[in-house]
Protein backbone atom coordinates (compact mmCIF):
# COMPACT_ATOMS: atom_id res chain seq x y z
CA MET A 1 182.97 -157.61 -153.77
CA LYS A 2 185.93 -155.95 -152.05
CA THR A 3 184.95 -153.19 -149.68
CA PRO A 4 186.13 -149.88 -151.18
CA ASP A 5 188.57 -147.66 -149.34
CA ILE A 6 186.99 -144.67 -147.66
CA THR A 7 188.36 -141.18 -147.10
CA VAL A 8 187.18 -139.03 -144.18
CA SER A 9 188.22 -135.51 -143.21
CA THR A 10 189.86 -135.08 -139.82
CA THR A 11 187.05 -132.66 -138.89
CA ASP A 12 184.33 -135.22 -139.63
CA PHE A 13 186.35 -137.94 -137.90
CA ASP A 14 186.78 -135.89 -134.72
CA ARG A 15 183.11 -134.89 -134.62
CA LEU A 16 181.93 -138.45 -135.26
CA GLU A 17 184.25 -139.78 -132.55
CA GLN A 18 182.75 -137.18 -130.17
CA LEU A 19 179.26 -138.28 -131.20
CA LEU A 20 180.08 -141.94 -130.61
CA SER A 21 181.61 -141.25 -127.20
CA SER A 22 178.44 -139.38 -126.16
CA LEU A 23 176.07 -142.22 -127.13
CA PRO A 24 175.09 -145.25 -125.06
CA ALA A 25 177.18 -148.25 -126.13
CA ASP A 26 174.12 -150.08 -127.46
CA THR A 27 172.91 -147.23 -129.72
CA VAL A 28 171.73 -148.70 -133.01
CA GLY A 29 174.29 -148.02 -135.73
CA SER A 30 177.13 -146.91 -133.46
CA ASN A 31 179.22 -150.10 -133.83
CA THR A 32 178.88 -150.02 -137.60
CA LEU A 33 179.96 -146.38 -137.73
CA ARG A 34 182.88 -147.13 -135.38
CA GLN A 35 184.05 -149.93 -137.70
CA GLU A 36 183.86 -147.64 -140.71
CA LEU A 37 185.88 -144.92 -138.96
CA GLU A 38 188.54 -147.46 -137.97
CA ARG A 39 189.22 -148.27 -141.62
CA ALA A 40 189.08 -144.68 -142.94
CA ASN A 41 191.96 -142.88 -144.58
CA LEU A 42 192.11 -139.47 -142.86
CA VAL A 43 192.90 -136.23 -144.68
CA THR A 44 192.51 -132.57 -143.78
CA PRO A 45 189.24 -131.01 -144.97
CA GLN A 46 191.22 -129.03 -147.56
CA GLN A 47 192.66 -132.30 -148.98
CA LEU A 48 189.31 -134.09 -149.26
CA PRO A 49 188.68 -134.99 -152.92
CA ALA A 50 185.63 -133.21 -154.37
CA ASN A 51 183.94 -136.52 -155.29
CA VAL A 52 183.97 -138.00 -151.76
CA VAL A 53 180.89 -138.17 -149.51
CA SER A 54 181.48 -136.20 -146.30
CA MET A 55 179.15 -135.13 -143.51
CA ASN A 56 176.46 -132.74 -144.77
CA SER A 57 177.11 -133.79 -148.37
CA THR A 58 174.12 -134.34 -150.64
CA VAL A 59 174.65 -137.54 -152.58
CA ARG A 60 172.78 -139.33 -155.34
CA PHE A 61 173.12 -143.08 -155.00
CA SER A 62 171.45 -146.15 -156.43
CA PHE A 63 170.61 -149.63 -155.25
CA ALA A 64 171.15 -152.86 -157.16
CA ASP A 65 167.45 -152.91 -158.13
CA GLY A 66 167.93 -149.64 -160.03
CA LYS A 67 166.14 -147.36 -157.54
CA SER A 68 168.01 -144.20 -156.73
CA SER A 69 167.84 -141.56 -154.02
CA SER A 70 169.33 -138.17 -153.29
CA LEU A 71 169.87 -137.56 -149.59
CA THR A 72 172.00 -135.35 -147.36
CA LEU A 73 174.19 -137.21 -144.87
CA VAL A 74 173.62 -135.60 -141.45
CA TYR A 75 174.26 -135.99 -137.74
CA PRO A 76 171.39 -137.67 -135.82
CA LYS A 77 170.13 -134.34 -134.42
CA ASP A 78 169.45 -133.12 -137.99
CA ALA A 79 167.88 -136.32 -139.33
CA ALA A 80 164.27 -135.17 -138.83
CA GLN A 81 164.57 -132.82 -141.82
CA SER A 82 163.29 -134.11 -145.16
CA ASN A 83 165.70 -135.67 -147.65
CA THR A 84 168.29 -136.43 -144.97
CA ILE A 85 169.83 -139.64 -143.72
CA SER A 86 171.48 -140.04 -140.33
CA ILE A 87 175.09 -141.16 -140.19
CA LEU A 88 173.82 -143.84 -137.77
CA ALA A 89 171.42 -145.33 -140.35
CA PRO A 90 172.85 -148.32 -142.24
CA VAL A 91 172.90 -146.48 -145.57
CA GLY A 92 174.35 -143.38 -143.88
CA SER A 93 177.32 -145.28 -142.48
CA ALA A 94 177.75 -147.01 -145.83
CA LEU A 95 177.95 -143.75 -147.79
CA LEU A 96 180.50 -141.95 -145.59
CA GLY A 97 183.85 -141.62 -147.32
CA LEU A 98 182.88 -143.29 -150.60
CA GLN A 99 183.82 -141.74 -153.94
CA VAL A 100 181.64 -141.37 -157.01
CA GLY A 101 181.54 -144.76 -158.73
CA ASP A 102 182.22 -146.77 -155.55
CA SER A 103 179.85 -149.60 -154.67
CA ILE A 104 179.47 -151.31 -151.31
CA ASN A 105 177.43 -154.26 -150.09
CA TRP A 106 175.38 -153.19 -147.11
CA PRO A 107 172.66 -154.69 -144.90
CA LEU A 108 169.24 -153.07 -145.19
CA PRO A 109 166.93 -152.60 -142.18
CA SER A 110 165.01 -155.67 -143.40
CA GLY A 111 168.15 -157.79 -143.00
CA ASP A 112 168.57 -158.25 -146.75
CA MET A 113 171.83 -157.23 -148.40
CA SER A 114 171.92 -154.58 -151.09
CA THR A 115 174.61 -153.01 -153.21
CA ILE A 116 174.75 -149.22 -152.99
CA THR A 117 176.58 -147.24 -155.68
CA VAL A 118 177.49 -143.56 -155.37
CA ASP A 119 176.35 -141.87 -158.58
CA GLU A 120 177.09 -138.22 -157.83
CA VAL A 121 178.08 -135.91 -154.98
CA LEU A 122 175.64 -133.07 -155.63
CA TYR A 123 176.95 -130.92 -152.78
CA GLN A 124 180.00 -131.28 -150.58
CA PRO A 125 180.78 -128.59 -147.95
CA GLU A 126 184.55 -128.93 -148.37
CA ARG A 127 184.27 -128.44 -152.14
CA GLU A 128 182.48 -125.15 -151.40
CA GLY A 129 185.21 -124.07 -148.96
CA ALA A 130 183.09 -124.72 -145.85
CA TYR A 131 185.78 -126.41 -143.77
CA HIS A 132 184.49 -125.50 -140.30
CA ARG A 133 180.75 -126.10 -140.64
């Protein structure tokens, strides 16, 4: 499976770069996030398509086994809230920048590989006009 292209707003990119530069180099998930950001297509928040997963988006996604989840993609400081997933978690990094219908192969915490498919972006800040959240 070819890895799908990802689209990230310049605001999210800048904030995630700041986050990465503030973390110890060996922080779990930071290298994976860095690799994802390096391959991202950058657009202004106003240009971000409405069906793309951005920071603070609530997304419904499914795994290859048919299980699905709805979670909000958040910065690590907000990950203690229920129904959230940190951008540094494997699934969090995987979701960033994907569009509805995209699938990606991603390692699970157990070490197994799974395919994640974005089913719906239930909420996206940019779609609601929240460009400077």
